[in-house]
Amino acid sequence: MGILDIFKKKKSSFYIIRERLLEDSKLAEFSGDWKKRQEISIQLLWLKFIKNEDSIIHGELKVPKIYPESSESYLNQTTSEIKIPSKFDLEEILHYKFTERIIQEYGSVLANTGEYQKCAFKPESILPFPKEYIKLAFQFNYLILKTEKPLFEILENKEEIVKKLRAAEVYLGTFLKASKDELPSVIGENVRVGFELSKRE
């Protein structure tokens, strides 16, 4: 070990994981593996929320119970402790903010699907995250809106929010498990191929 190595700061699990994911994301993009790219994107988003927790939690909002200490304490946790949650907790504000962002980014894609804007079907490959995670985000937000006393104040009318969410979620069904190469954007062909692909799902 060289003398400079002694003074090198050991990287936390958080930074090691993030660097690896960023490299994997480049490879997935290069190889055209859109499913892998989406999986990596959702993991990177979760890491971003962990790192920026202090800026997310403000005012009267309760500090997330899973991260009760300082930012550095959870940035230095083990891989298993900082992994993306398998289910969401109604008492965890970080989970709400995370799922809210998932829906927002899905909404951005929905508002601008490019060449597929007028098509009946759209390729799942253009979604920002895995389709199943977007569905989970919607389900979690519905549960929050049904809660009598949520963790934080909801300023808008709950019924109106549910209507908006339902309308956006309906369109998720028009995204088929396919890449741009597999699903034409020419309207007639899009319908024909789209129906064929939908039979396989």
Protein backbone atom coordinates (compact mmCIF):
# COMPACT_ATOMS: atom_id res chain seq x y z
CA MET A 1 0.00 0.00 0.00
CA GLY A 2 1.41 3.39 -1.01
CA ILE A 3 1.59 6.32 1.35
CA LEU A 4 -1.16 8.16 -0.59
CA ASP A 5 -3.51 5.22 -0.15
CA ILE A 6 -3.43 5.74 3.61
CA PHE A 7 -5.02 9.16 3.21
CA LYS A 8 -7.64 8.11 0.69
CA LYS A 9 -11.13 8.36 2.13
CA LYS A 10 -12.98 5.07 1.94
CA LYS A 11 -16.03 5.32 -0.31
CA SER A 12 -19.38 4.56 1.30
CA SER A 13 -21.68 1.82 0.02
CA PHE A 14 -23.95 4.57 -1.30
CA TYR A 15 -21.30 6.05 -3.61
CA ILE A 16 -19.98 2.65 -4.72
CA ILE A 17 -23.49 1.55 -5.69
CA ARG A 18 -24.26 4.81 -7.49
CA GLU A 19 -21.04 4.70 -9.53
CA ARG A 20 -21.70 1.10 -10.52
CA LEU A 21 -25.29 1.90 -11.52
CA LEU A 22 -24.18 4.87 -13.63
CA GLU A 23 -21.72 2.64 -15.48
CA ASP A 24 -24.35 -0.07 -15.95
CA SER A 25 -26.77 2.56 -17.25
CA LYS A 26 -24.30 3.58 -19.97
CA LEU A 27 -23.88 -0.06 -21.00
CA ALA A 28 -27.64 -0.64 -21.06
CA GLU A 29 -28.13 2.45 -23.22
CA PHE A 30 -25.34 1.35 -25.56
CA SER A 31 -26.71 -2.18 -25.93
CA GLY A 32 -30.31 -1.04 -26.30
CA ASP A 33 -31.43 -2.98 -23.22
CA TRP A 34 -34.34 -0.71 -22.27
CA LYS A 35 -35.62 -2.98 -19.50
CA LYS A 36 -32.26 -2.86 -17.77
CA ARG A 37 -32.08 0.90 -18.29
CA GLN A 38 -35.48 1.36 -16.62
CA GLU A 39 -34.47 -0.84 -13.66
CA ILE A 40 -31.31 1.19 -13.18
CA SER A 41 -33.23 4.47 -13.49
CA ILE A 42 -35.60 3.59 -10.65
CA GLN A 43 -32.65 2.59 -8.44
CA LEU A 44 -30.77 5.80 -9.21
CA LEU A 45 -33.89 7.82 -8.40
CA TRP A 46 -34.14 6.12 -5.00
CA LEU A 47 -30.48 6.86 -4.26
CA LYS A 48 -31.06 10.48 -5.23
CA PHE A 49 -33.92 10.71 -2.75
CA ILE A 50 -31.85 9.17 0.03
CA LYS A 51 -29.02 11.62 -0.58
CA ASN A 52 -31.33 14.64 -0.76
CA GLU A 53 -33.53 13.67 2.17
CA ASP A 54 -32.69 16.79 4.16
CA SER A 55 -33.93 19.05 1.35
CA ILE A 56 -37.12 17.01 0.94
CA ILE A 57 -38.09 17.08 4.60
CA HIS A 58 -38.92 20.59 5.70
CA GLY A 59 -41.40 22.69 7.67
CA GLU A 60 -43.80 20.62 9.76
CA LEU A 61 -43.16 17.36 7.92
CA LYS A 62 -42.07 14.49 10.13
CA VAL A 63 -38.50 13.22 9.73
CA PRO A 64 -38.56 9.78 8.04
CA LYS A 65 -38.48 7.06 10.68
CA ILE A 66 -36.16 4.85 8.62
CA TYR A 67 -33.53 7.59 8.57
CA PRO A 68 -33.73 9.20 12.02
CA GLU A 69 -30.16 10.46 12.14
CA SER A 70 -27.98 12.71 10.00
CA SER A 71 -27.47 12.34 6.25
CA GLU A 72 -23.99 10.87 6.67
CA SER A 73 -25.34 8.10 8.92
CA TYR A 74 -27.43 6.55 6.17
CA LEU A 75 -25.05 7.31 3.33
CA ASN A 76 -22.63 5.00 5.12
CA GLN A 77 -25.06 2.14 5.66
CA THR A 78 -24.67 -1.25 4.04
CA THR A 79 -25.98 -2.20 0.63
CA SER A 80 -28.94 -4.11 2.08
CA GLU A 81 -29.94 -1.14 4.24
CA ILE A 82 -30.08 1.43 1.43
CA LYS A 83 -31.67 -0.77 -1.23
CA ILE A 84 -34.89 0.31 -2.91
CA PRO A 85 -37.95 -0.60 -0.77
CA SER A 86 -39.94 -3.68 -1.78
CA LYS A 87 -43.11 -2.07 -0.42
CA PHE A 88 -44.08 1.45 0.62
CA ASP A 89 -44.96 2.66 4.11
CA LEU A 90 -47.83 5.11 4.71
CA GLU A 91 -45.90 6.55 7.67
CA GLU A 92 -42.84 7.31 5.55
CA ILE A 93 -42.81 10.73 3.88
CA LEU A 94 -39.77 9.74 1.80
CA HIS A 95 -41.82 6.97 0.20
CA TYR A 96 -44.58 9.42 -0.72
CA LYS A 97 -42.11 11.88 -2.27
CA PHE A 98 -40.43 9.03 -4.15
CA THR A 99 -43.68 7.67 -5.62
CA GLU A 100 -44.86 11.20 -6.38
CA ARG A 101 -41.73 11.76 -8.49
CA ILE A 102 -42.27 8.45 -10.31
CA ILE A 103 -45.77 9.58 -11.30
CA GLN A 104 -44.54 13.04 -12.29
CA GLU A 105 -41.87 11.63 -14.60
CA TYR A 106 -44.36 9.19 -16.10
CA GLY A 107 -46.70 12.15 -16.64
CA SER A 108 -43.98 14.04 -18.49
CA VAL A 109 -43.53 11.13 -20.90
CA LEU A 110 -47.30 10.77 -21.28
CA ALA A 111 -47.59 14.45 -22.21
CA ASN A 112 -44.95 14.09 -24.90
CA THR A 113 -44.64 10.63 -26.45
CA GLY A 114 -43.02 12.07 -29.57
CA GLU A 115 -43.76 10.16 -32.76
CA TYR A 116 -46.35 8.05 -30.86
CA GLN A 117 -48.41 11.05 -29.72
CA LYS A 118 -51.39 10.18 -31.96
CA CYS A 119 -50.96 6.42 -31.79
CA ALA A 120 -53.26 4.02 -29.96
CA PHE A 121 -50.29 2.05 -28.63
CA LYS A 122 -46.90 3.12 -27.37
CA PRO A 123 -43.72 1.12 -26.66
CA GLU A 124 -42.97 0.44 -23.01
CA SER A 125 -39.34 1.23 -23.79
CA ILE A 126 -40.07 4.99 -23.71
CA LEU A 127 -41.28 4.87 -20.10
CA PRO A 128 -38.80 6.33 -17.57
CA PHE A 129 -39.12 3.41 -15.13
CA PRO A 130 -40.41 -0.18 -15.12
CA LYS A 131 -44.16 -0.28 -15.75
CA GLU A 132 -44.78 -2.35 -12.61
CA TYR A 133 -43.13 0.30 -10.43
CA ILE A 134 -45.26 3.04 -11.96
CA LYS A 135 -48.34 0.95 -11.12
CA LEU A 136 -47.12 0.53 -7.53
CA ALA A 137 -46.64 4.29 -7.26
CA PHE A 138 -50.25 4.89 -8.30
CA GLN A 139 -51.56 2.26 -5.87
CA PHE A 140 -49.57 3.76 -3.00
CA ASN A 141 -50.88 7.26 -3.73
CA TYR A 142 -54.46 5.97 -3.75
CA LEU A 143 -53.86 4.46 -0.30
CA ILE A 144 -52.50 7.78 0.98
CA LEU A 145 -55.56 9.62 -0.31
CA LYS A 146 -57.84 7.13 1.45
CA THR A 147 -56.04 7.66 4.76
CA GLU A 148 -58.15 9.66 7.21
CA LYS A 149 -55.18 11.49 8.72
CA PRO A 150 -52.23 11.41 6.30
CA LEU A 151 -48.71 12.20 7.43
CA PHE A 152 -48.88 15.61 5.77
CA GLU A 153 -51.54 18.09 4.68
CA ILE A 154 -53.06 17.57 1.23
CA LEU A 155 -53.99 20.99 -0.11
CA GLU A 156 -56.07 19.94 -3.13
CA ASN A 157 -59.42 18.20 -3.01
CA LYS A 158 -58.73 14.46 -2.58
CA GLU A 159 -61.44 13.45 -5.05
CA GLU A 160 -59.97 15.70 -7.72
CA ILE A 161 -56.49 14.27 -7.17
CA VAL A 162 -57.84 10.72 -7.47
CA LYS A 163 -59.59 11.61 -10.75
CA LYS A 164 -56.35 13.04 -12.17
CA LEU A 165 -54.38 9.98 -11.07
CA ARG A 166 -56.97 7.56 -12.48
CA ALA A 167 -56.96 9.38 -15.83
CA ALA A 168 -53.17 9.18 -16.06
CA GLU A 169 -53.07 5.55 -14.94
CA VAL A 170 -55.55 4.46 -17.62
CA TYR A 171 -53.07 5.42 -20.34
CA LEU A 172 -50.45 3.16 -18.78
CA GLY A 173 -52.35 0.29 -20.38
CA THR A 174 -51.56 1.66 -23.84
CA PHE A 175 -47.83 1.06 -23.28
CA LEU A 176 -46.96 -2.38 -24.60
CA LYS A 177 -43.94 -4.51 -23.80
CA ALA A 178 -41.98 -3.52 -26.87
CA SER A 179 -39.20 -1.29 -28.15
CA LYS A 180 -39.53 1.40 -30.82
CA ASP A 181 -38.18 -1.08 -33.35
CA GLU A 182 -41.00 -3.52 -32.57
CA LEU A 183 -43.91 -1.06 -32.57
CA PRO A 184 -44.42 1.19 -35.61
CA SER A 185 -45.49 4.81 -35.14
CA VAL A 186 -47.47 4.89 -38.38
CA ILE A 187 -51.09 4.88 -37.15
CA GLY A 188 -52.45 1.98 -39.22
CA GLU A 189 -49.46 -0.26 -38.59
CA ASN A 190 -49.38 0.79 -34.96
CA VAL A 191 -52.92 -0.52 -34.41
CA ARG A 192 -52.28 -3.78 -36.26
CA VAL A 193 -48.99 -4.59 -34.53
CA GLY A 194 -50.24 -3.21 -31.23
CA PHE A 195 -53.20 -5.61 -31.13
CA GLU A 196 -50.88 -8.52 -31.87
CA LEU A 197 -48.50 -7.51 -29.10
CA SER A 198 -51.33 -6.94 -26.62
CA LYS A 199 -52.47 -10.56 -27.08
CA ARG A 200 -49.14 -11.74 -25.69
CA GLU A 201 -49.41 -9.72 -22.47
